Amino acid sequence: MAITEIKNSQEFEKYKNNLNLFLIITSEKDDMRGITKDILSSEKEHENVLFLIFDVNKCKDIQICHTVSSTPTFIISSNGNELARYSGVDIGSIMSLVKKIGDHKVIR
């Protein structure tokens, strides 16, 4: 698994109701290399999570839909329902979200 880059809202539509989704909202000014490296290093533990990333300058409609006021913002959701979010670059807080969505049990 890897972090999938979303280029437009049509691509996002395919994924938005995924069982366990970790959404990374960024902009070109954000240096995400270290953060994405840490997230990817944990992907074996969280194989049930779909990681998506998009640039707000390219996908403004998604930014509006998720009421994002700053970047980077990290949102976890299950079946299209937001569970939690964090804005900032504290890797401990980000990895806590990764663990939370990875451990999330889907109730159907």
PDB file of N, CA and C in Angstrom:
ATOM      1  N   MET A   1       0.845  -1.175   0.000  1.00  0.00           N
ATOM      2  CA  MET A   1       0.000   0.000   0.000  1.00  0.00           C
ATOM      3  C   MET A   1       0.890   1.236   0.000  1.00  0.00           C
ATOM      4  N   ALA A   2       0.360   2.328  -0.523  1.00  0.00           N
ATOM      5  CA  ALA A   2       1.075   3.597  -0.561  1.00  0.00           C
ATOM      6  C   ALA A   2       0.072   4.713  -0.302  1.00  0.00           C
ATOM      7  N   ILE A   3       0.576   5.912  -0.312  1.00  0.00           N
ATOM      8  CA  ILE A   3      -0.305   7.065  -0.196  1.00  0.00           C
ATOM      9  C   ILE A   3      -0.727   7.442  -1.608  1.00  0.00           C
ATOM     10  N   THR A   4      -2.021   7.421  -1.872  1.00  0.00           N
ATOM     11  CA  THR A   4      -2.562   7.710  -3.193  1.00  0.00           C
ATOM     12  C   THR A   4      -2.820   9.196  -3.326  1.00  0.00           C
ATOM     13  N   GLU A   5      -2.280   9.799  -4.382  1.00  0.00           N
ATOM     14  CA  GLU A   5      -2.513  11.220  -4.618  1.00  0.00           C
ATOM     15  C   GLU A   5      -3.817  11.406  -5.387  1.00  0.00           C
ATOM     16  N   ILE A   6      -4.657  12.293  -4.876  1.00  0.00           N
ATOM     17  CA  ILE A   6      -5.923  12.628  -5.514  1.00  0.00           C
ATOM     18  C   ILE A   6      -5.725  13.918  -6.294  1.00  0.00           C
ATOM     19  N   LYS A   7      -6.098  13.898  -7.576  1.00  0.00           N
ATOM     20  CA  LYS A   7      -5.867  15.068  -8.425  1.00  0.00           C
ATOM     21  C   LYS A   7      -7.117  15.913  -8.655  1.00  0.00           C
ATOM     22  N   ASN A   8      -8.300  15.331  -8.383  1.00  0.00           N
ATOM     23  CA  ASN A   8      -9.537  16.089  -8.588  1.00  0.00           C
ATOM     24  C   ASN A   8     -10.670  15.450  -7.780  1.00  0.00           C
ATOM     25  N   SER A   9     -11.787  16.153  -7.718  1.00  0.00           N
ATOM     26  CA  SER A   9     -12.904  15.676  -6.892  1.00  0.00           C
ATOM     27  C   SER A   9     -13.535  14.404  -7.454  1.00  0.00           C
ATOM     28  N   GLN A  10     -13.444  14.172  -8.757  1.00  0.00           N
ATOM     29  CA  GLN A  10     -13.987  12.942  -9.328  1.00  0.00           C
ATOM     30  C   GLN A  10     -13.220  11.726  -8.799  1.00  0.00           C
ATOM     31  N   GLU A  11     -11.908  11.843  -8.680  1.00  0.00           N
ATOM     32  CA  GLU A  11     -11.116  10.749  -8.113  1.00  0.00           C
ATOM     33  C   GLU A  11     -11.490  10.534  -6.653  1.00  0.00           C
ATOM     34  N   PHE A  12     -11.694  11.612  -5.921  1.00  0.00           N
ATOM     35  CA  PHE A  12     -12.037  11.509  -4.506  1.00  0.00           C
ATOM     36  C   PHE A  12     -13.362  10.781  -4.311  1.00  0.00           C
ATOM     37  N   GLU A  13     -14.305  10.983  -5.219  1.00  0.00           N
ATOM     38  CA  GLU A  13     -15.618  10.332  -5.131  1.00  0.00           C
ATOM     39  C   GLU A  13     -15.479   8.810  -5.064  1.00  0.00           C
ATOM     40  N   LYS A  14     -14.476   8.263  -5.764  1.00  0.00           N
ATOM     41  CA  LYS A  14     -14.274   6.815  -5.776  1.00  0.00           C
ATOM     42  C   LYS A  14     -13.884   6.276  -4.403  1.00  0.00           C
ATOM     43  N   TYR A  15     -13.257   7.119  -3.601  1.00  0.00           N
ATOM     44  CA  TYR A  15     -12.676   6.658  -2.338  1.00  0.00           C
ATOM     45  C   TYR A  15     -13.378   7.136  -1.080  1.00  0.00           C
ATOM     46  N   LYS A  16     -14.183   8.171  -1.158  1.00  0.00           N
ATOM     47  CA  LYS A  16     -14.626   8.879   0.049  1.00  0.00           C
ATOM     48  C   LYS A  16     -15.431   8.039   1.031  1.00  0.00           C
ATOM     49  N   ASN A  17     -16.075   6.990   0.583  1.00  0.00           N
ATOM     50  CA  ASN A  17     -16.854   6.154   1.491  1.00  0.00           C
ATOM     51  C   ASN A  17     -16.126   4.865   1.869  1.00  0.00           C
ATOM     52  N   ASN A  18     -14.805   4.895   1.737  1.00  0.00           N
ATOM     53  CA  ASN A  18     -14.000   3.732   2.097  1.00  0.00           C
ATOM     54  C   ASN A  18     -14.187   3.408   3.566  1.00  0.00           C
ATOM     55  N   LEU A  19     -14.076   2.127   3.911  1.00  0.00           N
ATOM     56  CA  LEU A  19     -14.282   1.712   5.300  1.00  0.00           C
ATOM     57  C   LEU A  19     -13.369   2.462   6.265  1.00  0.00           C
ATOM     58  N   ASN A  20     -12.076   2.503   6.006  1.00  0.00           N
ATOM     59  CA  ASN A  20     -11.125   3.216   6.856  1.00  0.00           C
ATOM     60  C   ASN A  20     -10.262   4.109   5.980  1.00  0.00           C
ATOM     61  N   LEU A  21     -10.458   5.403   6.102  1.00  0.00           N
ATOM     62  CA  LEU A  21      -9.797   6.370   5.232  1.00  0.00           C
ATOM     63  C   LEU A  21      -8.987   7.345   6.067  1.00  0.00           C
ATOM     64  N   PHE A  22      -7.747   7.588   5.651  1.00  0.00           N
ATOM     65  CA  PHE A  22      -6.884   8.588   6.273  1.00  0.00           C
ATOM     66  C   PHE A  22      -6.594   9.620   5.192  1.00  0.00           C
ATOM     67  N   LEU A  23      -7.120  10.805   5.342  1.00  0.00           N
ATOM     68  CA  LEU A  23      -7.033  11.858   4.337  1.00  0.00           C
ATOM     69  C   LEU A  23      -6.006  12.896   4.759  1.00  0.00           C
ATOM     70  N   ILE A  24      -5.051  13.169   3.896  1.00  0.00           N
ATOM     71  CA  ILE A  24      -4.012  14.161   4.150  1.00  0.00           C
ATOM     72  C   ILE A  24      -4.267  15.338   3.225  1.00  0.00           C
ATOM     73  N   ILE A  25      -4.536  16.492   3.809  1.00  0.00           N
ATOM     74  CA  ILE A  25      -4.829  17.681   3.028  1.00  0.00           C
ATOM     75  C   ILE A  25      -3.646  18.625   3.175  1.00  0.00           C
ATOM     76  N   THR A  26      -3.039  18.969   2.068  1.00  0.00           N
ATOM     77  CA  THR A  26      -1.809  19.740   2.100  1.00  0.00           C
ATOM     78  C   THR A  26      -1.829  20.827   1.037  1.00  0.00           C
ATOM     79  N   SER A  27      -0.776  21.589   0.959  1.00  0.00           N
ATOM     80  CA  SER A  27      -0.611  22.555  -0.124  1.00  0.00           C
ATOM     81  C   SER A  27       0.842  22.505  -0.567  1.00  0.00           C
ATOM     82  N   GLU A  28       1.115  23.124  -1.690  1.00  0.00           N
ATOM     83  CA  GLU A  28       2.462  23.034  -2.247  1.00  0.00           C
ATOM     84  C   GLU A  28       3.526  23.594  -1.304  1.00  0.00           C
ATOM     85  N   LYS A  29       3.143  24.470  -0.394  1.00  0.00           N
ATOM     86  CA  LYS A  29       4.122  25.062   0.521  1.00  0.00           C
ATOM     87  C   LYS A  29       4.512  24.117   1.652  1.00  0.00           C
ATOM     88  N   ASP A  30       3.709  23.094   1.908  1.00  0.00           N
ATOM     89  CA  ASP A  30       3.990  22.155   2.985  1.00  0.00           C
ATOM     90  C   ASP A  30       5.031  21.131   2.534  1.00  0.00           C
ATOM     91  N   ASP A  31       6.019  20.890   3.380  1.00  0.00           N
ATOM     92  CA  ASP A  31       7.005  19.844   3.108  1.00  0.00           C
ATOM     93  C   ASP A  31       6.534  18.583   3.821  1.00  0.00           C
ATOM     94  N   MET A  32       5.976  17.666   3.077  1.00  0.00           N
ATOM     95  CA  MET A  32       5.346  16.482   3.653  1.00  0.00           C
ATOM     96  C   MET A  32       6.247  15.246   3.613  1.00  0.00           C
ATOM     97  N   ARG A  33       7.483  15.396   3.145  1.00  0.00           N
ATOM     98  CA  ARG A  33       8.338  14.210   2.973  1.00  0.00           C
ATOM     99  C   ARG A  33       8.549  13.444   4.275  1.00  0.00           C
ATOM    100  N   GLY A  34       8.885  14.121   5.351  1.00  0.00           N
ATOM    101  CA  GLY A  34       9.130  13.438   6.618  1.00  0.00           C
ATOM    102  C   GLY A  34       7.875  12.794   7.166  1.00  0.00           C
ATOM    103  N   ILE A  35       6.753  13.508   7.086  1.00  0.00           N
ATOM    104  CA  ILE A  35       5.493  13.001   7.616  1.00  0.00           C
ATOM    105  C   ILE A  35       5.028  11.780   6.826  1.00  0.00           C
ATOM    106  N   THR A  36       5.054  11.867   5.501  1.00  0.00           N
ATOM    107  CA  THR A  36       4.607  10.724   4.699  1.00  0.00           C
ATOM    108  C   THR A  36       5.539   9.532   4.885  1.00  0.00           C
ATOM    109  N   LYS A  37       6.833   9.783   5.102  1.00  0.00           N
ATOM    110  CA  LYS A  37       7.778   8.689   5.364  1.00  0.00           C
ATOM    111  C   LYS A  37       7.388   7.960   6.648  1.00  0.00           C
ATOM    112  N   ASP A  38       7.053   8.707   7.703  1.00  0.00           N
ATOM    113  CA  ASP A  38       6.649   8.084   8.964  1.00  0.00           C
ATOM    114  C   ASP A  38       5.343   7.311   8.811  1.00  0.00           C
ATOM    115  N   ILE A  39       4.400   7.887   8.062  1.00  0.00           N
ATOM    116  CA  ILE A  39       3.125   7.192   7.838  1.00  0.00           C
ATOM    117  C   ILE A  39       3.367   5.896   7.066  1.00  0.00           C
ATOM    118  N   LEU A  40       4.167   5.968   6.020  1.00  0.00           N
ATOM    119  CA  LEU A  40       4.427   4.777   5.210  1.00  0.00           C
ATOM    120  C   LEU A  40       5.179   3.712   5.985  1.00  0.00           C
ATOM    121  N   SER A  41       5.996   4.116   6.946  1.00  0.00           N
ATOM    122  CA  SER A  41       6.735   3.120   7.730  1.00  0.00           C
ATOM    123  C   SER A  41       5.793   2.294   8.608  1.00  0.00           C
ATOM    124  N   SER A  42       4.595   2.803   8.851  1.00  0.00           N
ATOM    125  CA  SER A  42       3.628   2.075   9.683  1.00  0.00           C
ATOM    126  C   SER A  42       2.570   1.352   8.857  1.00  0.00           C
ATOM    127  N   GLU A  43       2.676   1.391   7.539  1.00  0.00           N
ATOM    128  CA  GLU A  43       1.595   0.867   6.702  1.00  0.00           C
ATOM    129  C   GLU A  43       1.375  -0.632   6.855  1.00  0.00           C
ATOM    130  N   LYS A  44       2.399  -1.394   7.188  1.00  0.00           N
ATOM    131  CA  LYS A  44       2.215  -2.836   7.382  1.00  0.00           C
ATOM    132  C   LYS A  44       1.275  -3.112   8.542  1.00  0.00           C
ATOM    133  N   GLU A  45       1.325  -2.253   9.564  1.00  0.00           N
ATOM    134  CA  GLU A  45       0.453  -2.397  10.723  1.00  0.00           C
ATOM    135  C   GLU A  45      -0.987  -2.014  10.401  1.00  0.00           C
ATOM    136  N   HIS A  46      -1.169  -1.199   9.373  1.00  0.00           N
ATOM    137  CA  HIS A  46      -2.482  -0.624   9.083  1.00  0.00           C
ATOM    138  C   HIS A  46      -2.889  -0.893   7.639  1.00  0.00           C
ATOM    139  N   GLU A  47      -2.836  -2.157   7.251  1.00  0.00           N
ATOM    140  CA  GLU A  47      -3.151  -2.528   5.873  1.00  0.00           C
ATOM    141  C   GLU A  47      -4.611  -2.299   5.517  1.00  0.00           C
ATOM    142  N   ASN A  48      -5.465  -2.147   6.525  1.00  0.00           N
ATOM    143  CA  ASN A  48      -6.886  -1.934   6.265  1.00  0.00           C
ATOM    144  C   ASN A  48      -7.230  -0.452   6.069  1.00  0.00           C
ATOM    145  N   VAL A  49      -6.211   0.408   6.031  1.00  0.00           N
ATOM    146  CA  VAL A  49      -6.440   1.845   5.906  1.00  0.00           C
ATOM    147  C   VAL A  49      -6.027   2.308   4.508  1.00  0.00           C
ATOM    148  N   LEU A  50      -6.866   3.129   3.886  1.00  0.00           N
ATOM    149  CA  LEU A  50      -6.545   3.756   2.608  1.00  0.00           C
ATOM    150  C   LEU A  50      -6.039   5.165   2.892  1.00  0.00           C
ATOM    151  N   PHE A  51      -4.808   5.466   2.502  1.00  0.00           N
ATOM    152  CA  PHE A  51      -4.208   6.777   2.706  1.00  0.00           C
ATOM    153  C   PHE A  51      -4.316   7.583   1.412  1.00  0.00           C
ATOM    154  N   LEU A  52      -4.942   8.755   1.497  1.00  0.00           N
ATOM    155  CA  LEU A  52      -5.087   9.648   0.348  1.00  0.00           C
ATOM    156  C   LEU A  52      -4.447  10.987   0.674  1.00  0.00           C
ATOM    157  N   ILE A  53      -3.867  11.642  -0.327  1.00  0.00           N
ATOM    158  CA  ILE A  53      -3.311  12.972  -0.153  1.00  0.00           C
ATOM    159  C   ILE A  53      -3.750  13.838  -1.327  1.00  0.00           C
ATOM    160  N   PHE A  54      -4.058  15.102  -1.036  1.00  0.00           N
ATOM    161  CA  PHE A  54      -4.321  16.024  -2.132  1.00  0.00           C
ATOM    162  C   PHE A  54      -3.886  17.427  -1.762  1.00  0.00           C
ATOM    163  N   ASP A  55      -3.617  18.205  -2.797  1.00  0.00           N
ATOM    164  CA  ASP A  55      -3.179  19.589  -2.669  1.00  0.00           C
ATOM    165  C   ASP A  55      -4.401  20.492  -2.783  1.00  0.00           C
ATOM    166  N   VAL A  56      -4.627  21.335  -1.780  1.00  0.00           N
ATOM    167  CA  VAL A  56      -5.811  22.201  -1.770  1.00  0.00           C
ATOM    168  C   VAL A  56      -5.834  23.167  -2.947  1.00  0.00           C
ATOM    169  N   ASN A  57      -4.678  23.496  -3.491  1.00  0.00           N
ATOM    170  CA  ASN A  57      -4.641  24.398  -4.630  1.00  0.00           C
ATOM    171  C   ASN A  57      -5.128  23.733  -5.912  1.00  0.00           C
ATOM    172  N   LYS A  58      -5.122  22.417  -5.930  1.00  0.00           N
ATOM    173  CA  LYS A  58      -5.591  21.671  -7.105  1.00  0.00           C
ATOM    174  C   LYS A  58      -7.010  21.151  -6.925  1.00  0.00           C
ATOM    175  N   CYS A  59      -7.457  20.991  -5.689  1.00  0.00           N
ATOM    176  CA  CYS A  59      -8.767  20.404  -5.385  1.00  0.00           C
ATOM    177  C   CYS A  59      -9.516  21.289  -4.394  1.00  0.00           C
ATOM    178  N   LYS A  60      -9.804  22.507  -4.762  1.00  0.00           N
ATOM    179  CA  LYS A  60     -10.444  23.443  -3.837  1.00  0.00           C
ATOM    180  C   LYS A  60     -11.821  22.976  -3.379  1.00  0.00           C
ATOM    181  N   ASP A  61     -12.549  22.252  -4.227  1.00  0.00           N
ATOM    182  CA  ASP A  61     -13.883  21.799  -3.837  1.00  0.00           C
ATOM    183  C   ASP A  61     -13.833  20.789  -2.695  1.00  0.00           C
ATOM    184  N   ILE A  62     -12.804  19.959  -2.648  1.00  0.00           N
ATOM    185  CA  ILE A  62     -12.663  19.021  -1.533  1.00  0.00           C
ATOM    186  C   ILE A  62     -12.331  19.789  -0.263  1.00  0.00           C
ATOM    187  N   GLN A  63     -11.498  20.809  -0.374  1.00  0.00           N
ATOM    188  CA  GLN A  63     -11.146  21.634   0.783  1.00  0.00           C
ATOM    189  C   GLN A  63     -12.394  22.268   1.385  1.00  0.00           C
ATOM    190  N   ILE A  64     -13.252  22.789   0.546  1.00  0.00           N
ATOM    191  CA  ILE A  64     -14.488  23.420   1.016  1.00  0.00           C
ATOM    192  C   ILE A  64     -15.399  22.382   1.646  1.00  0.00           C
ATOM    193  N   CYS A  65     -15.517  21.231   1.014  1.00  0.00           N
ATOM    194  CA  CYS A  65     -16.368  20.144   1.517  1.00  0.00           C
ATOM    195  C   CYS A  65     -15.950  19.714   2.917  1.00  0.00           C
ATOM    196  N   HIS A  66     -14.662  19.716   3.201  1.00  0.00           N
ATOM    197  CA  HIS A  66     -14.159  19.282   4.502  1.00  0.00           C
ATOM    198  C   HIS A  66     -13.846  20.453   5.434  1.00  0.00           C
ATOM    199  N   THR A  67     -14.262  21.663   5.077  1.00  0.00           N
ATOM    200  CA  THR A  67     -14.030  22.873   5.868  1.00  0.00           C
ATOM    201  C   THR A  67     -12.617  22.914   6.450  1.00  0.00           C
ATOM    202  N   VAL A  68     -11.654  22.928   5.571  1.00  0.00           N
ATOM    203  CA  VAL A  68     -10.250  22.990   5.952  1.00  0.00           C
ATOM    204  C   VAL A  68      -9.800  24.445   5.907  1.00  0.00           C
ATOM    205  N   SER A  69      -9.281  24.930   7.040  1.00  0.00           N
ATOM    206  CA  SER A  69      -8.838  26.322   7.089  1.00  0.00           C
ATOM    207  C   SER A  69      -7.323  26.464   7.141  1.00  0.00           C
ATOM    208  N   SER A  70      -6.605  25.356   7.398  1.00  0.00           N
ATOM    209  CA  SER A  70      -5.145  25.422   7.396  1.00  0.00           C
ATOM    210  C   SER A  70      -4.585  24.078   6.931  1.00  0.00           C
ATOM    211  N   THR A  71      -3.349  24.123   6.466  1.00  0.00           N
ATOM    212  CA  THR A  71      -2.694  22.899   6.022  1.00  0.00           C
ATOM    213  C   THR A  71      -1.368  22.754   6.749  1.00  0.00           C
ATOM    214  N   PRO A  72      -0.909  21.540   6.935  1.00  0.00           N
ATOM    215  CA  PRO A  72      -1.597  20.307   6.597  1.00  0.00           C
ATOM    216  C   PRO A  72      -2.689  19.964   7.606  1.00  0.00           C
ATOM    217  N   THR A  73      -3.724  19.308   7.109  1.00  0.00           N
ATOM    218  CA  THR A  73      -4.808  18.797   7.942  1.00  0.00           C
ATOM    219  C   THR A  73      -4.939  17.310   7.665  1.00  0.00           C
ATOM    220  N   PHE A  74      -5.181  16.550   8.711  1.00  0.00           N
ATOM    221  CA  PHE A  74      -5.298  15.095   8.623  1.00  0.00           C
ATOM    222  C   PHE A  74      -6.678  14.724   9.146  1.00  0.00           C
ATOM    223  N   ILE A  75      -7.435  13.988   8.350  1.00  0.00           N
ATOM    224  CA  ILE A  75      -8.798  13.597   8.717  1.00  0.00           C
ATOM    225  C   ILE A  75      -8.904  12.083   8.607  1.00  0.00           C
ATOM    226  N   ILE A  76      -9.498  11.459   9.635  1.00  0.00           N
ATOM    227  CA  ILE A  76      -9.789  10.036   9.533  1.00  0.00           C
ATOM    228  C   ILE A  76     -11.298   9.868   9.474  1.00  0.00           C
ATOM    229  N   SER A  77     -11.720   8.927   8.640  1.00  0.00           N
ATOM    230  CA  SER A  77     -13.156   8.674   8.501  1.00  0.00           C
ATOM    231  C   SER A  77     -13.386   7.191   8.258  1.00  0.00           C
ATOM    232  N   SER A  78     -14.604   6.778   8.531  1.00  0.00           N
ATOM    233  CA  SER A  78     -15.017   5.411   8.280  1.00  0.00           C
ATOM    234  C   SER A  78     -16.388   5.448   7.631  1.00  0.00           C
ATOM    235  N   ASN A  79     -16.523   4.764   6.516  1.00  0.00           N
ATOM    236  CA  ASN A  79     -17.785   4.753   5.769  1.00  0.00           C
ATOM    237  C   ASN A  79     -18.282   6.164   5.462  1.00  0.00           C
ATOM    238  N   GLY A  80     -17.367   7.098   5.231  1.00  0.00           N
ATOM    239  CA  GLY A  80     -17.743   8.463   4.887  1.00  0.00           C
ATOM    240  C   GLY A  80     -18.027   9.363   6.073  1.00  0.00           C
ATOM    241  N   ASN A  81     -17.927   8.842   7.296  1.00  0.00           N
ATOM    242  CA  ASN A  81     -18.188   9.643   8.496  1.00  0.00           C
ATOM    243  C   ASN A  81     -16.882  10.031   9.169  1.00  0.00           C
ATOM    244  N   GLU A  82     -16.687  11.334   9.360  1.00  0.00           N
ATOM    245  CA  GLU A  82     -15.468  11.809  10.001  1.00  0.00           C
ATOM    246  C   GLU A  82     -15.426  11.364  11.458  1.00  0.00           C
ATOM    247  N   LEU A  83     -14.263  10.810  11.849  1.00  0.00           N
ATOM    248  CA  LEU A  83     -14.056  10.351  13.222  1.00  0.00           C
ATOM    249  C   LEU A  83     -13.202  11.330  14.022  1.00  0.00           C
ATOM    250  N   ALA A  84     -12.196  11.918  13.363  1.00  0.00           N
ATOM    251  CA  ALA A  84     -11.300  12.851  14.050  1.00  0.00           C
ATOM    252  C   ALA A  84     -10.486  13.614  13.012  1.00  0.00           C
ATOM    253  N   ARG A  85      -9.884  14.727  13.475  1.00  0.00           N
ATOM    254  CA  ARG A  85      -9.006  15.499  12.602  1.00  0.00           C
ATOM    255  C   ARG A  85      -7.937  16.184  13.421  1.00  0.00           C
ATOM    256  N   TYR A  86      -6.851  16.526  12.749  1.00  0.00           N
ATOM    257  CA  TYR A  86      -5.742  17.243  13.373  1.00  0.00           C
ATOM    258  C   TYR A  86      -5.136  18.150  12.317  1.00  0.00           C
ATOM    259  N   SER A  87      -4.847  19.379  12.678  1.00  0.00           N
ATOM    260  CA  SER A  87      -4.133  20.314  11.799  1.00  0.00           C
ATOM    261  C   SER A  87      -2.809  20.645  12.453  1.00  0.00           C
ATOM    262  N   GLY A  88      -1.726  20.428  11.730  1.00  0.00           N
ATOM    263  CA  GLY A  88      -0.400  20.716  12.261  1.00  0.00           C
ATOM    264  C   GLY A  88       0.602  19.688  11.799  1.00  0.00           C
ATOM    265  N   VAL A  89       1.812  19.756  12.362  1.00  0.00           N
ATOM    266  CA  VAL A  89       2.883  18.867  11.915  1.00  0.00           C
ATOM    267  C   VAL A  89       3.497  18.039  13.044  1.00  0.00           C
ATOM    268  N   ASP A  90       2.848  17.979  14.187  1.00  0.00           N
ATOM    269  CA  ASP A  90       3.359  17.159  15.281  1.00  0.00           C
ATOM    270  C   ASP A  90       3.198  15.687  14.920  1.00  0.00           C
ATOM    271  N   ILE A  91       4.314  15.011  14.724  1.00  0.00           N
ATOM    272  CA  ILE A  91       4.262  13.632  14.234  1.00  0.00           C
ATOM    273  C   ILE A  91       3.581  12.699  15.237  1.00  0.00           C
ATOM    274  N   GLY A  92       3.699  12.977  16.521  1.00  0.00           N
ATOM    275  CA  GLY A  92       3.018  12.153  17.521  1.00  0.00           C
ATOM    276  C   GLY A  92       1.510  12.204  17.364  1.00  0.00           C
ATOM    277  N   SER A  93       0.972  13.398  17.135  1.00  0.00           N
ATOM    278  CA  SER A  93      -0.471  13.561  16.940  1.00  0.00           C
ATOM    279  C   SER A  93      -0.934  12.895  15.652  1.00  0.00           C
ATOM    280  N   ILE A  94      -0.124  13.015  14.610  1.00  0.00           N
ATOM    281  CA  ILE A  94      -0.472  12.410  13.323  1.00  0.00           C
ATOM    282  C   ILE A  94      -0.476  10.884  13.439  1.00  0.00           C
ATOM    283  N   MET A  95       0.554  10.337  14.059  1.00  0.00           N
ATOM    284  CA  MET A  95       0.638   8.882  14.187  1.00  0.00           C
ATOM    285  C   MET A  95      -0.447   8.349  15.123  1.00  0.00           C
ATOM    286  N   SER A  96      -0.889   9.166  16.067  1.00  0.00           N
ATOM    287  CA  SER A  96      -2.013   8.780  16.922  1.00  0.00           C
ATOM    288  C   SER A  96      -3.275   8.605  16.081  1.00  0.00           C
ATOM    289  N   LEU A  97      -3.484   9.488  15.094  1.00  0.00           N
ATOM    290  CA  LEU A  97      -4.623   9.336  14.180  1.00  0.00           C
ATOM    291  C   LEU A  97      -4.476   8.081  13.326  1.00  0.00           C
ATOM    292  N   VAL A  98      -3.251   7.829  12.846  1.00  0.00           N
ATOM    293  CA  VAL A  98      -3.021   6.623  12.046  1.00  0.00           C
ATOM    294  C   VAL A  98      -3.393   5.390  12.861  1.00  0.00           C
ATOM    295  N   LYS A  99      -2.951   5.354  14.112  1.00  0.00           N
ATOM    296  CA  LYS A  99      -3.262   4.212  14.978  1.00  0.00           C
ATOM    297  C   LYS A  99      -4.760   4.109  15.232  1.00  0.00           C
ATOM    298  N   LYS A 100      -5.399   5.255  15.461  1.00  0.00           N
ATOM    299  CA  LYS A 100      -6.837   5.254  15.759  1.00  0.00           C
ATOM    300  C   LYS A 100      -7.636   4.675  14.595  1.00  0.00           C
ATOM    301  N   ILE A 101      -7.355   5.096  13.384  1.00  0.00           N
ATOM    302  CA  ILE A 101      -8.123   4.588  12.245  1.00  0.00           C
ATOM    303  C   ILE A 101      -7.708   3.151  11.932  1.00  0.00           C
ATOM    304  N   GLY A 102      -6.452   2.804  12.156  1.00  0.00           N
ATOM    305  CA  GLY A 102      -6.008   1.431  11.936  1.00  0.00           C
ATOM    306  C   GLY A 102      -6.651   0.451  12.886  1.00  0.00           C
ATOM    307  N   ASP A 103      -6.926   0.916  14.099  1.00  0.00           N
ATOM    308  CA  ASP A 103      -7.549   0.067  15.110  1.00  0.00           C
ATOM    309  C   ASP A 103      -9.080   0.126  15.065  1.00  0.00           C
ATOM    310  N   HIS A 104      -9.631   1.034  14.252  1.00  0.00           N
ATOM    311  CA  HIS A 104     -11.074   1.231  14.206  1.00  0.00           C
ATOM    312  C   HIS A 104     -11.772  -0.036  13.713  1.00  0.00           C
ATOM    313  N   LYS A 105     -12.774  -0.425  14.432  1.00  0.00           N
ATOM    314  CA  LYS A 105     -13.575  -1.587  14.042  1.00  0.00           C
ATOM    315  C   LYS A 105     -14.827  -1.099  13.333  1.00  0.00           C
ATOM    316  N   VAL A 106     -15.012  -1.565  12.122  1.00  0.00           N
ATOM    317  CA  VAL A 106     -16.168  -1.151  11.334  1.00  0.00           C
ATOM    318  C   VAL A 106     -17.381  -1.966  11.764  1.00  0.00           C
ATOM    319  N   ILE A 107     -18.453  -1.272  12.097  1.00  0.00           N
ATOM    320  CA  ILE A 107     -19.706  -1.933  12.466  1.00  0.00           C
ATOM    321  C   ILE A 107     -20.673  -1.736  11.309  1.00  0.00           C
ATOM    322  N   ARG A 108     -21.160  -2.816  10.779  1.00  0.00           N
ATOM    323  CA  ARG A 108     -22.067  -2.708   9.622  1.00  0.00           C
ATOM    324  C   ARG A 108     -23.488  -2.860  10.069  1.00  0.00           C
TER     325      ARG A 108
END
